[in-house]
Amino acid sequence: MLLATLWVAGLVFYQVPGPGWLAGCAALLWLLAGGWMSVRVARGRAGRRLPAAYGLCMVAAALTWLSLTPRQDRAWADDVAQRLHVASFDGRRVVLDNVRDFTWRTEQDYDARWVRREYDLQQLASADLVMSYWMGPAIAHTLVSFGFEDGRQLVFSLEIRKEQGESFSALGGFFRKFEMTLVASEETDIIRTRTNARGEDVYLYRLHGLSQAQLRTLFAAYIDEARTLDAAPAFYNTLTSNCTTIVFDLARHIAPGLPLDYRLLLSGYLDRYAFDQGALTPGHSFKELRERARITDRALQPASDKDFSRWIRRGVPGTAQEGEQ
C-alpha cells in the first residue's frame, strides 16, 4: 500500500494541471492521507470502509493513468518543434525532412533551421557512440553519429519532446510526463550545443567491427523508428524508452545476443559496457580510450569552426584522425 501510495503521489505531482505548487500540495495531501490509511490497515484498525475508500482511490488513479495519451499538437520547444519525416526510402537512398541544423550561441540564442537531406546508405562508412554527461558520472545522454564516405555525418538522438518552458525530469519520465521524439541532426548542431551552449562533457567512440551491411541495418532501424514516431506519438519512459534503451534495442538488430546489463539504466557507464562487448576500437585499454574520446575541449576551440566533425575526432582511436593531435 505504501508503494502504491508513493506511485499515486508521483502521478498526482506530474499530471495535475496548473502551477507546480498546486501539484505539490495535492501530492503531499495524498501522501498524508494514503500513508495514514496504509498504517491503519497494517495495524488492523481500518474496518471495512477505509480499505474500500483506498481501493476506490487506486481505481481512480489507474483510470487516470490509462486515460493519458501522447499527442502531436502541443506548443513544442523550438528544438523539437518538427518531427523527423522520412520522405522516401528505397532500401538504399533515403530522403529525410526536418533534419535539424541550428546554429547555437547560447541555449536561448540560436538560429533555427530545419533542412531536407538525402543520403546513400551504400556510402555509409562508420558509426560513433556519443555520450554527453549533464548529471554526474552515472547518467549520460546517448547518441549515434553515422559517417559517410563524402565526410558528412548524421546524428540520431531519442529525446523528450519538450513543451515551451518545460525541462527534463528523470522522475517525470516514469509518469508519462513527456512525449518522445527522434531527432536527426548535423553534428555542428546537436553535439556543439551540448559542448558549447550547455556546458556538458562529451565523449565520442568509434564503434568497431561493423560491416557495411550492418551499418545499413542499424541506420535503417533508426528510419523505422522515425516512421513509427512520425505516424503516432509515444510517451518517453525513463526506464524502458529512453536514449540508451533505443540504442540497445537497435543494436540487437545486428547482434541479437547482446546481454542485458545494469549499465543500460546507468547510461553513464554504457561506454564500459560497449568496451566489454568488444564494440570499441581494440588495442587500447578502456582508460586510454576514454581519455582520448573526450572531445569537449576540442569542440570549444575556435579552430573547430572550419571542419567541426574532423576536428573533434583528432586523436580518437579508430577514426581517420587518430594520429592527429
Protein backbone atom coordinates (compact mmCIF):
# COMPACT_ATOMS: atom_id res chain seq x y z
CA MET A 1 0.00 0.00 0.00
CA LEU A 2 2.85 2.37 0.80
CA LEU A 3 4.45 1.70 -2.60
CA ALA A 4 1.13 2.26 -4.32
CA THR A 5 0.68 5.47 -2.33
CA LEU A 6 4.08 6.73 -3.49
CA TRP A 7 3.27 5.88 -7.11
CA VAL A 8 -0.03 7.77 -6.98
CA ALA A 9 1.74 10.74 -5.38
CA GLY A 10 4.11 10.87 -8.34
CA LEU A 11 1.19 10.61 -10.75
CA VAL A 12 -0.59 13.48 -8.99
CA PHE A 13 2.52 15.65 -8.88
CA TYR A 14 3.36 15.29 -12.56
CA GLN A 15 -0.16 15.21 -14.00
CA VAL A 16 -2.19 17.76 -12.02
CA PRO A 17 -2.58 20.79 -14.32
CA GLY A 18 -1.68 24.25 -13.15
CA PRO A 19 1.28 25.70 -11.22
CA GLY A 20 3.86 23.47 -9.60
CA TRP A 21 2.92 24.50 -6.07
CA LEU A 22 -0.64 23.27 -6.61
CA ALA A 23 0.55 19.87 -7.85
CA GLY A 24 2.98 19.68 -4.93
CA CYS A 25 0.26 20.42 -2.40
CA ALA A 26 -2.07 17.85 -3.95
CA ALA A 27 0.66 15.19 -3.91
CA LEU A 28 1.52 15.99 -0.28
CA LEU A 29 -2.11 15.76 0.80
CA TRP A 30 -2.42 12.39 -0.88
CA LEU A 31 0.80 11.17 0.73
CA LEU A 32 -0.54 12.07 4.16
CA ALA A 33 -3.96 10.52 3.51
CA GLY A 34 -2.63 7.43 1.76
CA GLY A 35 0.08 6.91 4.35
CA TRP A 36 -2.42 7.20 7.19
CA MET A 37 -4.76 4.68 5.53
CA SER A 38 -1.84 2.27 4.93
CA VAL A 39 -0.81 2.40 8.60
CA ARG A 40 -4.41 1.88 9.77
CA VAL A 41 -4.79 -1.17 7.55
CA ALA A 42 -1.43 -2.61 8.65
CA ARG A 43 -2.47 -2.32 12.31
CA GLY A 44 -5.84 -3.94 11.72
CA ARG A 45 -7.75 -0.79 12.66
CA ALA A 46 -9.19 0.07 9.28
CA GLY A 47 -12.58 -1.62 9.41
CA ARG A 48 -14.26 -2.10 6.05
CA ARG A 49 -14.79 1.41 4.79
CA LEU A 50 -11.17 2.55 4.84
CA PRO A 51 -9.82 -0.24 2.57
CA ALA A 52 -12.78 0.32 0.24
CA ALA A 53 -12.01 4.04 0.07
CA TYR A 54 -8.36 3.30 -0.60
CA GLY A 55 -9.32 0.85 -3.31
CA LEU A 56 -11.50 3.45 -4.99
CA CYS A 57 -8.59 5.88 -4.97
CA MET A 58 -6.42 3.25 -6.65
CA VAL A 59 -9.08 2.61 -9.28
CA ALA A 60 -9.31 6.34 -9.96
CA ALA A 61 -5.52 6.57 -10.28
CA ALA A 62 -5.43 3.57 -12.65
CA LEU A 63 -8.16 5.07 -14.82
CA THR A 64 -6.30 8.37 -14.90
CA TRP A 65 -3.14 6.57 -15.98
CA LEU A 66 -4.94 4.71 -18.74
CA SER A 67 -6.58 7.91 -19.95
CA LEU A 68 -3.23 9.63 -20.54
CA THR A 69 -2.49 9.65 -24.26
CA PRO A 70 0.51 11.09 -26.11
CA ARG A 71 -0.11 13.97 -28.51
CA GLN A 72 1.49 15.63 -31.51
CA ASP A 73 -0.17 19.05 -31.18
CA ARG A 74 1.34 20.74 -28.13
CA ALA A 75 3.23 24.06 -28.05
CA TRP A 76 6.63 22.46 -28.54
CA ALA A 77 10.01 23.99 -27.76
CA ASP A 78 11.83 25.23 -30.87
CA ASP A 79 14.48 22.49 -30.91
CA VAL A 80 11.84 19.72 -31.07
CA ALA A 81 9.13 21.63 -32.91
CA GLN A 82 9.36 19.49 -36.06
CA ARG A 83 9.04 15.71 -36.40
CA LEU A 84 11.62 13.81 -38.39
CA HIS A 85 9.87 12.70 -41.57
CA VAL A 86 11.06 10.02 -43.99
CA ALA A 87 10.12 11.47 -47.36
CA SER A 88 11.34 8.39 -49.22
CA PHE A 89 13.43 5.29 -48.63
CA ASP A 90 14.03 2.51 -51.15
CA GLY A 91 16.46 0.50 -49.06
CA ARG A 92 19.45 2.38 -50.39
CA ARG A 93 18.67 6.07 -50.76
CA VAL A 94 16.80 7.95 -48.08
CA VAL A 95 15.40 11.47 -48.11
CA LEU A 96 14.78 12.99 -44.70
CA ASP A 97 12.76 16.10 -43.96
CA ASN A 98 13.24 18.14 -40.78
CA VAL A 99 16.88 17.33 -40.15
CA ARG A 100 17.93 19.85 -37.51
CA ASP A 101 20.69 22.29 -38.41
CA PHE A 102 20.54 25.01 -35.76
CA THR A 103 23.33 27.48 -35.07
CA TRP A 104 23.68 27.78 -31.30
CA ARG A 105 25.31 30.68 -29.49
CA THR A 106 23.66 30.02 -26.12
CA GLU A 107 20.71 27.84 -25.10
CA GLN A 108 18.43 30.84 -25.59
CA ASP A 109 20.22 32.46 -28.55
CA TYR A 110 20.19 30.43 -31.75
CA ASP A 111 19.21 30.40 -35.40
CA ALA A 112 16.59 27.71 -36.07
CA ARG A 113 16.83 25.81 -39.32
CA TRP A 114 15.19 22.57 -40.44
CA VAL A 115 16.51 21.12 -43.69
CA ARG A 116 15.99 18.27 -46.15
CA ARG A 117 18.88 15.83 -46.55
CA GLU A 118 19.46 12.89 -48.89
CA TYR A 119 21.81 10.02 -48.10
CA ASP A 120 23.07 6.96 -49.95
CA LEU A 121 23.34 4.11 -47.45
CA GLN A 122 25.89 2.36 -49.63
CA GLN A 123 28.18 5.25 -48.77
CA LEU A 124 27.97 4.58 -45.03
CA ALA A 125 31.48 4.34 -43.60
CA SER A 126 31.27 4.46 -39.81
CA ALA A 127 29.17 4.78 -36.68
CA ASP A 128 30.23 6.55 -33.50
CA LEU A 129 28.83 6.31 -29.99
CA VAL A 130 28.48 9.78 -28.46
CA MET A 131 27.87 10.26 -24.74
CA SER A 132 27.03 13.63 -23.19
CA TYR A 133 27.26 13.99 -19.40
CA TRP A 134 25.00 16.51 -17.74
CA MET A 135 24.01 14.91 -14.42
CA GLY A 136 27.09 13.31 -12.87
CA PRO A 137 29.08 10.22 -13.92
CA ALA A 138 26.21 7.72 -13.84
CA ILE A 139 23.87 9.47 -16.30
CA ALA A 140 24.65 10.43 -19.89
CA HIS A 141 22.64 11.21 -22.97
CA THR A 142 23.43 8.71 -25.71
CA LEU A 143 23.59 9.49 -29.43
CA VAL A 144 24.80 7.65 -32.52
CA SER A 145 26.57 9.51 -35.34
CA PHE A 146 26.78 7.91 -38.78
CA GLY A 147 29.63 8.85 -41.10
CA PHE A 148 29.54 8.78 -44.91
CA GLU A 149 32.34 8.46 -47.43
CA ASP A 150 31.88 12.08 -48.52
CA GLY A 151 32.68 13.28 -44.98
CA ARG A 152 29.14 14.09 -43.92
CA GLN A 153 27.81 13.00 -40.52
CA LEU A 154 24.24 12.45 -39.37
CA VAL A 155 23.39 12.08 -35.69
CA PHE A 156 20.31 10.34 -34.28
CA SER A 157 19.12 11.17 -30.79
CA LEU A 158 15.99 9.99 -28.97
CA GLU A 159 14.83 12.84 -26.71
CA ILE A 160 11.88 14.06 -24.75
CA ARG A 161 9.67 16.34 -26.81
CA LYS A 162 9.66 19.33 -24.53
CA GLU A 163 6.90 21.87 -24.49
CA GLN A 164 7.81 25.55 -24.38
CA GLY A 165 9.23 26.38 -20.96
CA GLU A 166 9.46 22.72 -19.97
CA SER A 167 12.61 20.97 -18.78
CA PHE A 168 13.63 17.34 -18.39
CA SER A 169 12.84 15.41 -15.22
CA ALA A 170 14.03 11.82 -14.78
CA LEU A 171 11.21 11.19 -12.28
CA GLY A 172 8.66 12.78 -14.57
CA GLY A 173 9.70 10.27 -17.21
CA PHE A 174 8.18 7.50 -15.08
CA PHE A 175 4.76 9.19 -15.06
CA ARG A 176 4.03 9.88 -18.73
CA LYS A 177 5.06 13.48 -18.35
CA PHE A 178 6.79 13.69 -21.75
CA GLU A 179 6.30 12.54 -25.28
CA MET A 180 9.41 11.40 -27.10
CA THR A 181 10.88 12.34 -30.45
CA LEU A 182 13.69 11.12 -32.66
CA VAL A 183 15.96 13.95 -33.74
CA ALA A 184 18.23 13.68 -36.75
CA SER A 185 20.80 16.44 -36.76
CA GLU A 186 24.06 17.78 -38.10
CA GLU A 187 26.96 17.37 -35.66
CA THR A 188 27.53 21.13 -35.68
CA ASP A 189 24.09 21.39 -34.09
CA ILE A 190 23.43 18.52 -31.70
CA ILE A 191 26.98 17.94 -30.44
CA ARG A 192 28.05 21.55 -30.41
CA THR A 193 25.02 22.70 -28.48
CA ARG A 194 25.93 20.26 -25.72
CA THR A 195 29.62 21.15 -25.52
CA ASN A 196 29.42 24.86 -26.29
CA ALA A 197 25.96 26.12 -25.33
CA ARG A 198 25.03 23.82 -22.43
CA GLY A 199 28.48 23.16 -20.98
CA GLU A 200 28.09 19.37 -20.98
CA ASP A 201 31.03 16.96 -21.10
CA VAL A 202 31.00 14.91 -24.33
CA TYR A 203 32.82 11.71 -25.34
CA LEU A 204 32.97 10.13 -28.80
CA TYR A 205 33.93 6.49 -29.50
CA ARG A 206 34.30 4.77 -32.86
CA LEU A 207 32.18 1.62 -32.93
CA HIS A 208 34.32 -1.29 -34.06
CA GLY A 209 33.66 -4.30 -36.25
CA LEU A 210 30.55 -3.14 -38.10
CA SER A 211 30.39 -4.25 -41.71
CA GLN A 212 28.83 -2.03 -44.34
CA ALA A 213 25.74 -4.24 -44.32
CA GLN A 214 25.48 -3.93 -40.53
CA LEU A 215 25.81 -0.15 -40.73
CA ARG A 216 22.93 -0.09 -43.22
CA THR A 217 20.86 -2.33 -40.96
CA LEU A 218 21.44 -0.07 -37.96
CA PHE A 219 20.68 3.08 -39.96
CA ALA A 220 17.53 1.50 -41.39
CA ALA A 221 16.39 0.63 -37.86
CA TYR A 222 16.52 4.34 -37.00
CA ILE A 223 14.49 5.04 -40.14
CA ASP A 224 11.85 2.58 -38.92
CA GLU A 225 11.77 4.31 -35.53
CA ALA A 226 11.39 7.70 -37.21
CA ARG A 227 8.45 6.44 -39.25
CA THR A 228 6.80 4.96 -36.16
CA LEU A 229 7.04 8.18 -34.15
CA ASP A 230 6.01 10.31 -37.12
CA ALA A 231 2.88 8.22 -37.58
CA ALA A 232 1.85 8.06 -33.91
CA PRO A 233 3.18 9.78 -30.79
CA ALA A 234 4.55 7.80 -27.85
CA PHE A 235 5.50 8.55 -24.27
CA TYR A 236 9.09 8.76 -23.12
CA ASN A 237 9.86 6.41 -20.23
CA THR A 238 12.95 6.87 -18.08
CA LEU A 239 13.27 3.12 -17.62
CA THR A 240 12.09 1.45 -20.83
CA SER A 241 12.01 4.02 -23.67
CA ASN A 242 14.94 6.38 -23.40
CA CYS A 243 18.04 7.44 -25.33
CA THR A 244 20.07 4.42 -24.16
CA THR A 245 17.49 1.66 -24.42
CA ILE A 246 16.78 2.58 -28.05
CA VAL A 247 20.49 2.24 -28.88
CA PHE A 248 20.49 -1.17 -27.21
CA ASP A 249 17.29 -2.27 -28.93
CA LEU A 250 18.54 -1.20 -32.34
CA ALA A 251 21.96 -2.76 -31.74
CA ARG A 252 20.20 -6.08 -31.24
CA HIS A 253 19.22 -5.91 -34.91
CA ILE A 254 22.85 -6.71 -35.72
CA ALA A 255 23.88 -8.55 -32.54
CA PRO A 256 20.83 -10.43 -31.18
CA GLY A 257 22.81 -11.98 -28.33
CA LEU A 258 23.65 -8.72 -26.54
CA PRO A 259 23.10 -9.30 -22.80
CA LEU A 260 21.01 -7.10 -20.54
CA ASP A 261 23.10 -5.12 -18.08
CA TYR A 262 22.62 -2.55 -15.31
CA ARG A 263 24.66 -0.10 -17.39
CA LEU A 264 21.72 0.19 -19.75
CA LEU A 265 19.97 2.01 -16.91
CA LEU A 266 23.02 3.82 -15.54
CA SER A 267 23.75 5.17 -19.00
CA GLY A 268 26.92 6.98 -17.98
CA TYR A 269 28.64 3.60 -17.94
CA LEU A 270 27.41 2.49 -21.36
CA ASP A 271 30.86 3.05 -22.86
CA ARG A 272 32.34 0.50 -20.47
CA TYR A 273 29.57 -1.94 -21.44
CA ALA A 274 30.40 -1.39 -25.13
CA PHE A 275 34.08 -1.98 -24.36
CA ASP A 276 33.31 -5.23 -22.53
CA GLN A 277 31.28 -6.40 -25.55
CA GLY A 278 34.18 -5.69 -27.92
CA ALA A 279 32.30 -2.87 -29.65
CA LEU A 280 35.03 -0.23 -29.27
CA THR A 281 38.39 0.10 -31.04
CA PRO A 282 40.67 -2.79 -29.96
CA GLY A 283 44.30 -2.50 -28.90
CA HIS A 284 43.66 0.08 -26.18
CA SER A 285 42.76 -0.07 -22.52
CA PHE A 286 39.40 1.35 -21.55
CA LYS A 287 41.17 4.11 -19.63
CA GLU A 288 43.09 5.18 -22.72
CA LEU A 289 40.01 5.01 -24.94
CA ARG A 290 38.04 7.16 -22.54
CA GLU A 291 40.78 9.74 -22.19
CA ARG A 292 41.13 10.08 -25.96
CA ALA A 293 37.36 10.00 -26.53
CA ARG A 294 36.77 13.24 -24.64
CA ILE A 295 36.02 15.84 -27.31
CA THR A 296 34.76 18.69 -25.12
CA ASP A 297 37.91 20.81 -25.18
CA ARG A 298 38.40 20.37 -28.92
CA ALA A 299 34.79 21.36 -29.62
CA LEU A 300 35.30 24.57 -27.67
CA GLN A 301 38.38 25.62 -29.64
CA PRO A 302 37.89 28.30 -32.33
CA ALA A 303 39.69 26.05 -34.85
CA SER A 304 36.70 23.68 -34.76
CA ASP A 305 34.70 26.21 -36.79
CA LYS A 306 36.43 25.19 -40.03
CA ASP A 307 35.70 21.44 -40.04
CA PHE A 308 33.91 20.53 -36.85
CA SER A 309 33.43 16.80 -37.42
CA ARG A 310 37.05 16.24 -38.40
CA TRP A 311 38.43 18.47 -35.65
CA ILE A 312 36.61 16.83 -32.74
CA ARG A 313 37.86 13.39 -33.86
CA ARG A 314 41.54 14.34 -33.64
CA GLY A 315 43.22 11.60 -31.64
CA VAL A 316 40.09 9.43 -31.30
CA PRO A 317 41.12 5.77 -31.75
CA GLY A 318 39.68 4.03 -34.80
CA THR A 319 39.00 7.23 -36.75
CA ALA A 320 40.97 8.60 -39.69
CA GLN A 321 42.12 11.39 -37.37
CA GLU A 322 43.53 9.01 -34.73
CA GLY A 323 47.13 10.14 -35.33
CA GLU A 324 46.33 13.86 -35.30
CA GLN A 325 46.91 15.94 -32.21
